[in-house]
Amino acid sequence: MVALHSIILMLIQAFVWILLAYCILSMLLGFGILDIRNRFFYSIFNTLARIVEPVMAPIRSILPNTGGMDFAPMVVLLLIQFLVHPAVNRIFFMLATHNNF
């Protein structure tokens, strides 16, 4: 049970790092520091976008349009920090105390 809890928390943490890498790469591409025509950076950005966009798309549809700023990654990070992470901990705590694992 502890191993499953650790794996889930590591997957959540890996998603957070992927989201941060996506945001940094998006900014570097947006400011022209990296070139989108470079196939290496494009493939990395495309892979990160395929992982992150399904989570951020529903949040973007709720948030108002703010021009050039995208607040969806910040909302996702806050949701993970204050809702998902504590919920996972609480669920596993309840399972451990009620099932005597």
PDB file of N, CA and C in Angstrom:
ATOM      1  N   MET A   1       0.823  -1.190   0.000  1.00  0.00           N
ATOM      2  CA  MET A   1       0.000   0.000   0.000  1.00  0.00           C
ATOM      3  C   MET A   1       0.867   1.254   0.000  1.00  0.00           C
ATOM      4  N   VAL A   2       1.950   1.216   0.770  1.00  0.00           N
ATOM      5  CA  VAL A   2       2.853   2.362   0.819  1.00  0.00           C
ATOM      6  C   VAL A   2       3.528   2.554  -0.528  1.00  0.00           C
ATOM      7  N   ALA A   3       3.840   1.445  -1.199  1.00  0.00           N
ATOM      8  CA  ALA A   3       4.482   1.540  -2.510  1.00  0.00           C
ATOM      9  C   ALA A   3       3.542   2.185  -3.523  1.00  0.00           C
ATOM     10  N   LEU A   4       2.277   1.810  -3.507  1.00  0.00           N
ATOM     11  CA  LEU A   4       1.307   2.406  -4.426  1.00  0.00           C
ATOM     12  C   LEU A   4       1.148   3.897  -4.151  1.00  0.00           C
ATOM     13  N   HIS A   5       1.103   4.260  -2.885  1.00  0.00           N
ATOM     14  CA  HIS A   5       1.014   5.670  -2.507  1.00  0.00           C
ATOM     15  C   HIS A   5       2.229   6.436  -3.023  1.00  0.00           C
ATOM     16  N   SER A   6       3.404   5.871  -2.868  1.00  0.00           N
ATOM     17  CA  SER A   6       4.630   6.525  -3.341  1.00  0.00           C
ATOM     18  C   SER A   6       4.646   6.652  -4.854  1.00  0.00           C
ATOM     19  N   ILE A   7       4.178   5.633  -5.552  1.00  0.00           N
ATOM     20  CA  ILE A   7       4.146   5.682  -7.019  1.00  0.00           C
ATOM     21  C   ILE A   7       3.195   6.768  -7.498  1.00  0.00           C
ATOM     22  N   ILE A   8       2.024   6.861  -6.886  1.00  0.00           N
ATOM     23  CA  ILE A   8       1.058   7.888  -7.289  1.00  0.00           C
ATOM     24  C   ILE A   8       1.615   9.282  -7.025  1.00  0.00           C
ATOM     25  N   LEU A   9       2.242   9.477  -5.877  1.00  0.00           N
ATOM     26  CA  LEU A   9       2.825  10.791  -5.579  1.00  0.00           C
ATOM     27  C   LEU A   9       3.977  11.120  -6.527  1.00  0.00           C
ATOM     28  N   MET A  10       4.764  10.117  -6.914  1.00  0.00           N
ATOM     29  CA  MET A  10       5.844  10.359  -7.878  1.00  0.00           C
ATOM     30  C   MET A  10       5.290  10.704  -9.253  1.00  0.00           C
ATOM     31  N   LEU A  11       4.190  10.069  -9.657  1.00  0.00           N
ATOM     32  CA  LEU A  11       3.566  10.404 -10.938  1.00  0.00           C
ATOM     33  C   LEU A  11       3.019  11.829 -10.928  1.00  0.00           C
ATOM     34  N   ILE A  12       2.425  12.228  -9.817  1.00  0.00           N
ATOM     35  CA  ILE A  12       1.939  13.604  -9.699  1.00  0.00           C
ATOM     36  C   ILE A  12       3.105  14.580  -9.772  1.00  0.00           C
ATOM     37  N   GLN A  13       4.186  14.270  -9.081  1.00  0.00           N
ATOM     38  CA  GLN A  13       5.363  15.141  -9.103  1.00  0.00           C
ATOM     39  C   GLN A  13       5.991  15.186 -10.492  1.00  0.00           C
ATOM     40  N   ALA A  14       6.006  14.062 -11.196  1.00  0.00           N
ATOM     41  CA  ALA A  14       6.531  14.040 -12.565  1.00  0.00           C
ATOM     42  C   ALA A  14       5.678  14.921 -13.473  1.00  0.00           C
ATOM     43  N   PHE A  15       4.350  14.882 -13.287  1.00  0.00           N
ATOM     44  CA  PHE A  15       3.485  15.740 -14.089  1.00  0.00           C
ATOM     45  C   PHE A  15       3.752  17.211 -13.799  1.00  0.00           C
ATOM     46  N   VAL A  16       4.003  17.548 -12.554  1.00  0.00           N
ATOM     47  CA  VAL A  16       4.319  18.940 -12.200  1.00  0.00           C
ATOM     48  C   VAL A  16       5.587  19.384 -12.918  1.00  0.00           C
ATOM     49  N   TRP A  17       6.623  18.543 -12.928  1.00  0.00           N
ATOM     50  CA  TRP A  17       7.864  18.897 -13.617  1.00  0.00           C
ATOM     51  C   TRP A  17       7.660  18.998 -15.124  1.00  0.00           C
ATOM     52  N   ILE A  18       6.827  18.126 -15.691  1.00  0.00           N
ATOM     53  CA  ILE A  18       6.525  18.208 -17.123  1.00  0.00           C
ATOM     54  C   ILE A  18       5.796  19.505 -17.422  1.00  0.00           C
ATOM     55  N   LEU A  19       4.856  19.886 -16.571  1.00  0.00           N
ATOM     56  CA  LEU A  19       4.130  21.141 -16.756  1.00  0.00           C
ATOM     57  C   LEU A  19       5.068  22.340 -16.682  1.00  0.00           C
ATOM     58  N   LEU A  20       5.985  22.332 -15.732  1.00  0.00           N
ATOM     59  CA  LEU A  20       6.950  23.433 -15.624  1.00  0.00           C
ATOM     60  C   LEU A  20       7.871  23.484 -16.842  1.00  0.00           C
ATOM     61  N   ALA A  21       8.314  22.332 -17.323  1.00  0.00           N
ATOM     62  CA  ALA A  21       9.155  22.298 -18.524  1.00  0.00           C
ATOM     63  C   ALA A  21       8.387  22.823 -19.732  1.00  0.00           C
ATOM     64  N   TYR A  22       7.105  22.471 -19.827  1.00  0.00           N
ATOM     65  CA  TYR A  22       6.265  22.968 -20.918  1.00  0.00           C
ATOM     66  C   TYR A  22       6.140  24.493 -20.855  1.00  0.00           C
ATOM     67  N   CYS A  23       5.933  25.033 -19.673  1.00  0.00           N
ATOM     68  CA  CYS A  23       5.798  26.488 -19.521  1.00  0.00           C
ATOM     69  C   CYS A  23       7.091  27.205 -19.889  1.00  0.00           C
ATOM     70  N   ILE A  24       8.218  26.688 -19.423  1.00  0.00           N
ATOM     71  CA  ILE A  24       9.506  27.322 -19.728  1.00  0.00           C
ATOM     72  C   ILE A  24       9.803  27.242 -21.214  1.00  0.00           C
ATOM     73  N   LEU A  25       9.589  26.076 -21.814  1.00  0.00           N
ATOM     74  CA  LEU A  25       9.843  25.927 -23.244  1.00  0.00           C
ATOM     75  C   LEU A  25       8.897  26.795 -24.064  1.00  0.00           C
ATOM     76  N   SER A  26       7.658  26.915 -23.621  1.00  0.00           N
ATOM     77  CA  SER A  26       6.698  27.775 -24.310  1.00  0.00           C
ATOM     78  C   SER A  26       7.134  29.231 -24.269  1.00  0.00           C
ATOM     79  N   MET A  27       7.644  29.668 -23.120  1.00  0.00           N
ATOM     80  CA  MET A  27       8.130  31.048 -23.023  1.00  0.00           C
ATOM     81  C   MET A  27       9.352  31.269 -23.903  1.00  0.00           C
ATOM     82  N   LEU A  28      10.278  30.316 -23.908  1.00  0.00           N
ATOM     83  CA  LEU A  28      11.476  30.457 -24.734  1.00  0.00           C
ATOM     84  C   LEU A  28      11.133  30.477 -26.214  1.00  0.00           C
ATOM     85  N   LEU A  29      10.164  29.683 -26.613  1.00  0.00           N
ATOM     86  CA  LEU A  29       9.729  29.702 -28.008  1.00  0.00           C
ATOM     87  C   LEU A  29       8.964  30.982 -28.320  1.00  0.00           C
ATOM     88  N   GLY A  30       8.161  31.451 -27.383  1.00  0.00           N
ATOM     89  CA  GLY A  30       7.384  32.671 -27.593  1.00  0.00           C
ATOM     90  C   GLY A  30       8.239  33.915 -27.708  1.00  0.00           C
ATOM     91  N   PHE A  31       9.325  33.966 -26.952  1.00  0.00           N
ATOM     92  CA  PHE A  31      10.220  35.118 -27.009  1.00  0.00           C
ATOM     93  C   PHE A  31      11.246  35.020 -28.124  1.00  0.00           C
ATOM     94  N   GLY A  32      11.241  33.915 -28.849  1.00  0.00           N
ATOM     95  CA  GLY A  32      12.160  33.764 -29.969  1.00  0.00           C
ATOM     96  C   GLY A  32      13.562  33.337 -29.573  1.00  0.00           C
ATOM     97  N   ILE A  33      13.750  32.923 -28.338  1.00  0.00           N
ATOM     98  CA  ILE A  33      15.064  32.459 -27.905  1.00  0.00           C
ATOM     99  C   ILE A  33      15.366  31.106 -28.540  1.00  0.00           C
ATOM    100  N   LEU A  34      14.355  30.253 -28.613  1.00  0.00           N
ATOM    101  CA  LEU A  34      14.465  28.984 -29.323  1.00  0.00           C
ATOM    102  C   LEU A  34      13.619  29.068 -30.581  1.00  0.00           C
ATOM    103  N   ASP A  35      14.048  28.365 -31.605  1.00  0.00           N
ATOM    104  CA  ASP A  35      13.353  28.412 -32.888  1.00  0.00           C
ATOM    105  C   ASP A  35      12.436  27.202 -33.014  1.00  0.00           C
ATOM    106  N   ILE A  36      11.168  27.445 -33.332  1.00  0.00           N
ATOM    107  CA  ILE A  36      10.194  26.372 -33.479  1.00  0.00           C
ATOM    108  C   ILE A  36      10.496  25.523 -34.710  1.00  0.00           C
ATOM    109  N   ARG A  37      11.276  26.068 -35.652  1.00  0.00           N
ATOM    110  CA  ARG A  37      11.623  25.295 -36.850  1.00  0.00           C
ATOM    111  C   ARG A  37      12.679  24.242 -36.562  1.00  0.00           C
ATOM    112  N   ASN A  38      13.340  24.337 -35.419  1.00  0.00           N
ATOM    113  CA  ASN A  38      14.280  23.303 -35.011  1.00  0.00           C
ATOM    114  C   ASN A  38      13.473  22.065 -34.620  1.00  0.00           C
ATOM    115  N   ARG A  39      13.686  20.979 -35.327  1.00  0.00           N
ATOM    116  CA  ARG A  39      12.861  19.783 -35.130  1.00  0.00           C
ATOM    117  C   ARG A  39      13.035  19.179 -33.732  1.00  0.00           C
ATOM    118  N   PHE A  40      14.204  19.323 -33.151  1.00  0.00           N
ATOM    119  CA  PHE A  40      14.436  18.783 -31.812  1.00  0.00           C
ATOM    120  C   PHE A  40      13.553  19.489 -30.786  1.00  0.00           C
ATOM    121  N   PHE A  41      13.579  20.821 -30.782  1.00  0.00           N
ATOM    122  CA  PHE A  41      12.761  21.577 -29.829  1.00  0.00           C
ATOM    123  C   PHE A  41      11.279  21.424 -30.130  1.00  0.00           C
ATOM    124  N   TYR A  42      10.944  21.344 -31.417  1.00  0.00           N
ATOM    125  CA  TYR A  42       9.542  21.160 -31.784  1.00  0.00           C
ATOM    126  C   TYR A  42       9.027  19.813 -31.284  1.00  0.00           C
ATOM    127  N   SER A  43       9.829  18.762 -31.424  1.00  0.00           N
ATOM    128  CA  SER A  43       9.370  17.443 -30.977  1.00  0.00           C
ATOM    129  C   SER A  43       9.232  17.391 -29.455  1.00  0.00           C
ATOM    130  N   ILE A  44      10.149  18.031 -28.737  1.00  0.00           N
ATOM    131  CA  ILE A  44      10.034  18.084 -27.272  1.00  0.00           C
ATOM    132  C   ILE A  44       8.793  18.871 -26.873  1.00  0.00           C
ATOM    133  N   PHE A  45       8.598  20.033 -27.500  1.00  0.00           N
ATOM    134  CA  PHE A  45       7.443  20.866 -27.178  1.00  0.00           C
ATOM    135  C   PHE A  45       6.139  20.141 -27.507  1.00  0.00           C
ATOM    136  N   ASN A  46       6.112  19.459 -28.638  1.00  0.00           N
ATOM    137  CA  ASN A  46       4.912  18.734 -29.050  1.00  0.00           C
ATOM    138  C   ASN A  46       4.606  17.590 -28.078  1.00  0.00           C
ATOM    139  N   THR A  47       5.630  16.876 -27.638  1.00  0.00           N
ATOM    140  CA  THR A  47       5.431  15.792 -26.677  1.00  0.00           C
ATOM    141  C   THR A  47       4.917  16.323 -25.341  1.00  0.00           C
ATOM    142  N   LEU A  48       5.524  17.397 -24.858  1.00  0.00           N
ATOM    143  CA  LEU A  48       5.069  17.991 -23.600  1.00  0.00           C
ATOM    144  C   LEU A  48       3.638  18.514 -23.729  1.00  0.00           C
ATOM    145  N   ALA A  49       3.324  19.116 -24.882  1.00  0.00           N
ATOM    146  CA  ALA A  49       1.973  19.643 -25.093  1.00  0.00           C
ATOM    147  C   ALA A  49       0.938  18.525 -25.104  1.00  0.00           C
ATOM    148  N   ARG A  50       1.278  17.388 -25.676  1.00  0.00           N
ATOM    149  CA  ARG A  50       0.332  16.265 -25.695  1.00  0.00           C
ATOM    150  C   ARG A  50       0.066  15.717 -24.296  1.00  0.00           C
ATOM    151  N   ILE A  51       1.020  15.857 -23.417  1.00  0.00           N
ATOM    152  CA  ILE A  51       0.830  15.395 -22.039  1.00  0.00           C
ATOM    153  C   ILE A  51       0.042  16.416 -21.224  1.00  0.00           C
ATOM    154  N   VAL A  52       0.325  17.697 -21.420  1.00  0.00           N
ATOM    155  CA  VAL A  52      -0.193  18.755 -20.554  1.00  0.00           C
ATOM    156  C   VAL A  52      -1.526  19.329 -21.040  1.00  0.00           C
ATOM    157  N   GLU A  53      -1.713  19.433 -22.325  1.00  0.00           N
ATOM    158  CA  GLU A  53      -2.901  20.105 -22.860  1.00  0.00           C
ATOM    159  C   GLU A  53      -4.226  19.462 -22.460  1.00  0.00           C
ATOM    160  N   PRO A  54      -4.353  18.131 -22.376  1.00  0.00           N
ATOM    161  CA  PRO A  54      -5.651  17.582 -21.938  1.00  0.00           C
ATOM    162  C   PRO A  54      -6.062  18.020 -20.538  1.00  0.00           C
ATOM    163  N   VAL A  55      -5.107  18.351 -19.698  1.00  0.00           N
ATOM    164  CA  VAL A  55      -5.435  18.825 -18.351  1.00  0.00           C
ATOM    165  C   VAL A  55      -5.746  20.315 -18.366  1.00  0.00           C
ATOM    166  N   MET A  56      -5.019  21.072 -19.187  1.00  0.00           N
ATOM    167  CA  MET A  56      -5.188  22.529 -19.179  1.00  0.00           C
ATOM    168  C   MET A  56      -6.345  23.011 -20.047  1.00  0.00           C
ATOM    169  N   ALA A  57      -6.768  22.240 -21.032  1.00  0.00           N
ATOM    170  CA  ALA A  57      -7.834  22.689 -21.935  1.00  0.00           C
ATOM    171  C   ALA A  57      -9.148  22.983 -21.206  1.00  0.00           C
ATOM    172  N   PRO A  58      -9.633  22.121 -20.304  1.00  0.00           N
ATOM    173  CA  PRO A  58     -10.876  22.470 -19.599  1.00  0.00           C
ATOM    174  C   PRO A  58     -10.737  23.709 -18.722  1.00  0.00           C
ATOM    175  N   ILE A  59      -9.567  23.913 -18.158  1.00  0.00           N
ATOM    176  CA  ILE A  59      -9.354  25.089 -17.315  1.00  0.00           C
ATOM    177  C   ILE A  59      -9.314  26.345 -18.168  1.00  0.00           C
ATOM    178  N   ARG A  60      -8.699  26.255 -19.343  1.00  0.00           N
ATOM    179  CA  ARG A  60      -8.677  27.408 -20.250  1.00  0.00           C
ATOM    180  C   ARG A  60     -10.078  27.802 -20.695  1.00  0.00           C
ATOM    181  N   SER A  61     -10.967  26.827 -20.824  1.00  0.00           N
ATOM    182  CA  SER A  61     -12.329  27.159 -21.245  1.00  0.00           C
ATOM    183  C   SER A  61     -13.097  27.882 -20.139  1.00  0.00           C
ATOM    184  N   ILE A  62     -12.692  27.696 -18.893  1.00  0.00           N
ATOM    185  CA  ILE A  62     -13.357  28.359 -17.767  1.00  0.00           C
ATOM    186  C   ILE A  62     -12.776  29.747 -17.516  1.00  0.00           C
ATOM    187  N   LEU A  63     -11.449  29.873 -17.625  1.00  0.00           N
ATOM    188  CA  LEU A  63     -10.790  31.151 -17.337  1.00  0.00           C
ATOM    189  C   LEU A  63     -11.117  32.192 -18.402  1.00  0.00           C
ATOM    190  N   PRO A  64     -11.228  33.450 -18.012  1.00  0.00           N
ATOM    191  CA  PRO A  64     -11.459  34.503 -19.008  1.00  0.00           C
ATOM    192  C   PRO A  64     -10.207  34.742 -19.847  1.00  0.00           C
ATOM    193  N   ASN A  65     -10.402  35.271 -21.037  1.00  0.00           N
ATOM    194  CA  ASN A  65      -9.290  35.580 -21.927  1.00  0.00           C
ATOM    195  C   ASN A  65      -8.521  36.775 -21.363  1.00  0.00           C
ATOM    196  N   THR A  66      -7.228  36.593 -21.139  1.00  0.00           N
ATOM    197  CA  THR A  66      -6.409  37.657 -20.561  1.00  0.00           C
ATOM    198  C   THR A  66      -5.360  38.159 -21.538  1.00  0.00           C
ATOM    199  N   GLY A  67      -5.588  37.974 -22.803  1.00  0.00           N
ATOM    200  CA  GLY A  67      -4.621  38.438 -23.793  1.00  0.00           C
ATOM    201  C   GLY A  67      -3.480  37.459 -23.940  1.00  0.00           C
ATOM    202  N   GLY A  68      -2.264  37.924 -23.693  1.00  0.00           N
ATOM    203  CA  GLY A  68      -1.094  37.088 -23.892  1.00  0.00           C
ATOM    204  C   GLY A  68      -0.734  36.203 -22.721  1.00  0.00           C
ATOM    205  N   MET A  69      -1.363  36.403 -21.577  1.00  0.00           N
ATOM    206  CA  MET A  69      -1.027  35.604 -20.393  1.00  0.00           C
ATOM    207  C   MET A  69      -1.957  34.402 -20.273  1.00  0.00           C
ATOM    208  N   ASP A  70      -1.351  33.254 -20.045  1.00  0.00           N
ATOM    209  CA  ASP A  70      -2.112  32.025 -19.844  1.00  0.00           C
ATOM    210  C   ASP A  70      -1.968  31.623 -18.379  1.00  0.00           C
ATOM    211  N   PHE A  71      -3.059  31.694 -17.652  1.00  0.00           N
ATOM    212  CA  PHE A  71      -3.030  31.364 -16.231  1.00  0.00           C
ATOM    213  C   PHE A  71      -3.412  29.914 -15.953  1.00  0.00           C
ATOM    214  N   ALA A  72      -3.695  29.132 -16.985  1.00  0.00           N
ATOM    215  CA  ALA A  72      -4.086  27.735 -16.794  1.00  0.00           C
ATOM    216  C   ALA A  72      -2.999  26.907 -16.111  1.00  0.00           C
ATOM    217  N   PRO A  73      -1.711  27.041 -16.474  1.00  0.00           N
ATOM    218  CA  PRO A  73      -0.703  26.252 -15.752  1.00  0.00           C
ATOM    219  C   PRO A  73      -0.643  26.581 -14.262  1.00  0.00           C
ATOM    220  N   MET A  74      -0.810  27.842 -13.917  1.00  0.00           N
ATOM    221  CA  MET A  74      -0.789  28.227 -12.512  1.00  0.00           C
ATOM    222  C   MET A  74      -1.983  27.620 -11.772  1.00  0.00           C
ATOM    223  N   VAL A  75      -3.150  27.619 -12.411  1.00  0.00           N
ATOM    224  CA  VAL A  75      -4.334  27.033 -11.793  1.00  0.00           C
ATOM    225  C   VAL A  75      -4.143  25.527 -11.607  1.00  0.00           C
ATOM    226  N   VAL A  76      -3.562  24.865 -12.613  1.00  0.00           N
ATOM    227  CA  VAL A  76      -3.313  23.424 -12.502  1.00  0.00           C
ATOM    228  C   VAL A  76      -2.345  23.138 -11.356  1.00  0.00           C
ATOM    229  N   LEU A  77      -1.285  23.918 -11.256  1.00  0.00           N
ATOM    230  CA  LEU A  77      -0.324  23.719 -10.168  1.00  0.00           C
ATOM    231  C   LEU A  77      -0.970  23.944  -8.802  1.00  0.00           C
ATOM    232  N   LEU A  78      -1.810  24.963  -8.695  1.00  0.00           N
ATOM    233  CA  LEU A  78      -2.502  25.216  -7.426  1.00  0.00           C
ATOM    234  C   LEU A  78      -3.488  24.098  -7.088  1.00  0.00           C
ATOM    235  N   LEU A  79      -4.195  23.597  -8.100  1.00  0.00           N
ATOM    236  CA  LEU A  79      -5.122  22.489  -7.862  1.00  0.00           C
ATOM    237  C   LEU A  79      -4.386  21.238  -7.405  1.00  0.00           C
ATOM    238  N   ILE A  80      -3.256  20.962  -8.029  1.00  0.00           N
ATOM    239  CA  ILE A  80      -2.470  19.796  -7.617  1.00  0.00           C
ATOM    240  C   ILE A  80      -1.983  19.977  -6.187  1.00  0.00           C
ATOM    241  N   GLN A  81      -1.481  21.161  -5.895  1.00  0.00           N
ATOM    242  CA  GLN A  81      -0.897  21.410  -4.572  1.00  0.00           C
ATOM    243  C   GLN A  81      -1.936  21.371  -3.452  1.00  0.00           C
ATOM    244  N   PHE A  82      -3.106  21.952  -3.700  1.00  0.00           N
ATOM    245  CA  PHE A  82      -4.070  22.116  -2.616  1.00  0.00           C
ATOM    246  C   PHE A  82      -5.246  21.148  -2.647  1.00  0.00           C
ATOM    247  N   LEU A  83      -5.458  20.437  -3.757  1.00  0.00           N
ATOM    248  CA  LEU A  83      -6.574  19.492  -3.813  1.00  0.00           C
ATOM    249  C   LEU A  83      -6.126  18.055  -4.059  1.00  0.00           C
ATOM    250  N   VAL A  84      -5.363  17.838  -5.111  1.00  0.00           N
ATOM    251  CA  VAL A  84      -5.025  16.472  -5.510  1.00  0.00           C
ATOM    252  C   VAL A  84      -4.077  15.823  -4.509  1.00  0.00           C
ATOM    253  N   HIS A  85      -3.006  16.492  -4.198  1.00  0.00           N
ATOM    254  CA  HIS A  85      -2.006  15.924  -3.291  1.00  0.00           C
ATOM    255  C   HIS A  85      -2.605  15.607  -1.915  1.00  0.00           C
ATOM    256  N   PRO A  86      -3.315  16.534  -1.278  1.00  0.00           N
ATOM    257  CA  PRO A  86      -3.935  16.188   0.011  1.00  0.00           C
ATOM    258  C   PRO A  86      -5.010  15.105  -0.109  1.00  0.00           C
ATOM    259  N   ALA A  87      -5.745  15.087  -1.229  1.00  0.00           N
ATOM    260  CA  ALA A  87      -6.774  14.060  -1.402  1.00  0.00           C
ATOM    261  C   ALA A  87      -6.152  12.673  -1.496  1.00  0.00           C
ATOM    262  N   VAL A  88      -5.055  12.558  -2.229  1.00  0.00           N
ATOM    263  CA  VAL A  88      -4.367  11.266  -2.331  1.00  0.00           C
ATOM    264  C   VAL A  88      -3.860  10.837  -0.958  1.00  0.00           C
ATOM    265  N   ASN A  89      -3.259  11.754  -0.239  1.00  0.00           N
ATOM    266  CA  ASN A  89      -2.770  11.418   1.104  1.00  0.00           C
ATOM    267  C   ASN A  89      -3.907  10.990   2.026  1.00  0.00           C
ATOM    268  N   ARG A  90      -5.016  11.689   1.977  1.00  0.00           N
ATOM    269  CA  ARG A  90      -6.146  11.361   2.843  1.00  0.00           C
ATOM    270  C   ARG A  90      -6.762  10.012   2.474  1.00  0.00           C
ATOM    271  N   ILE A  91      -6.882   9.740   1.176  1.00  0.00           N
ATOM    272  CA  ILE A  91      -7.452   8.461   0.742  1.00  0.00           C
ATOM    273  C   ILE A  91      -6.587   7.302   1.223  1.00  0.00           C
ATOM    274  N   PHE A  92      -5.280   7.423   1.036  1.00  0.00           N
ATOM    275  CA  PHE A  92      -4.410   6.332   1.468  1.00  0.00           C
ATOM    276  C   PHE A  92      -4.342   6.228   2.987  1.00  0.00           C
ATOM    277  N   PHE A  93      -4.460   7.329   3.683  1.00  0.00           N
ATOM    278  CA  PHE A  93      -4.501   7.269   5.147  1.00  0.00           C
ATOM    279  C   PHE A  93      -5.759   6.549   5.613  1.00  0.00           C
ATOM    280  N   MET A  94      -6.899   6.864   4.977  1.00  0.00           N
ATOM    281  CA  MET A  94      -8.150   6.202   5.344  1.00  0.00           C
ATOM    282  C   MET A  94      -8.097   4.714   5.026  1.00  0.00           C
ATOM    283  N   LEU A  95      -7.536   4.358   3.870  1.00  0.00           N
ATOM    284  CA  LEU A  95      -7.421   2.943   3.523  1.00  0.00           C
ATOM    285  C   LEU A  95      -6.502   2.206   4.489  1.00  0.00           C
ATOM    286  N   ALA A  96      -5.425   2.848   4.882  1.00  0.00           N
ATOM    287  CA  ALA A  96      -4.470   2.196   5.781  1.00  0.00           C
ATOM    288  C   ALA A  96      -5.046   2.010   7.180  1.00  0.00           C
ATOM    289  N   THR A  97      -5.828   2.966   7.653  1.00  0.00           N
ATOM    290  CA  THR A  97      -6.355   2.850   9.014  1.00  0.00           C
ATOM    291  C   THR A  97      -7.571   1.937   9.092  1.00  0.00           C
ATOM    292  N   HIS A  98      -8.348   1.845   8.021  1.00  0.00           N
ATOM    293  CA  HIS A  98      -9.550   1.019   8.061  1.00  0.00           C
ATOM    294  C   HIS A  98      -9.300  -0.424   7.652  1.00  0.00           C
ATOM    295  N   ASN A  99      -8.287  -0.666   6.841  1.00  0.00           N
ATOM    296  CA  ASN A  99      -8.044  -2.029   6.363  1.00  0.00           C
ATOM    297  C   ASN A  99      -6.861  -2.693   7.047  1.00  0.00           C
ATOM    298  N   ASN A 100      -6.224  -1.992   7.958  1.00  0.00           N
ATOM    299  CA  ASN A 100      -5.087  -2.525   8.706  1.00  0.00           C
ATOM    300  C   ASN A 100      -3.986  -3.063   7.804  1.00  0.00           C
ATOM    301  N   PHE A 101      -3.603  -2.282   6.814  1.00  0.00           N
ATOM    302  CA  PHE A 101      -2.497  -2.686   5.928  1.00  0.00           C
ATOM    303  C   PHE A 101      -1.182  -2.413   6.578  1.00  0.00           C
TER     304      PHE A 101
END
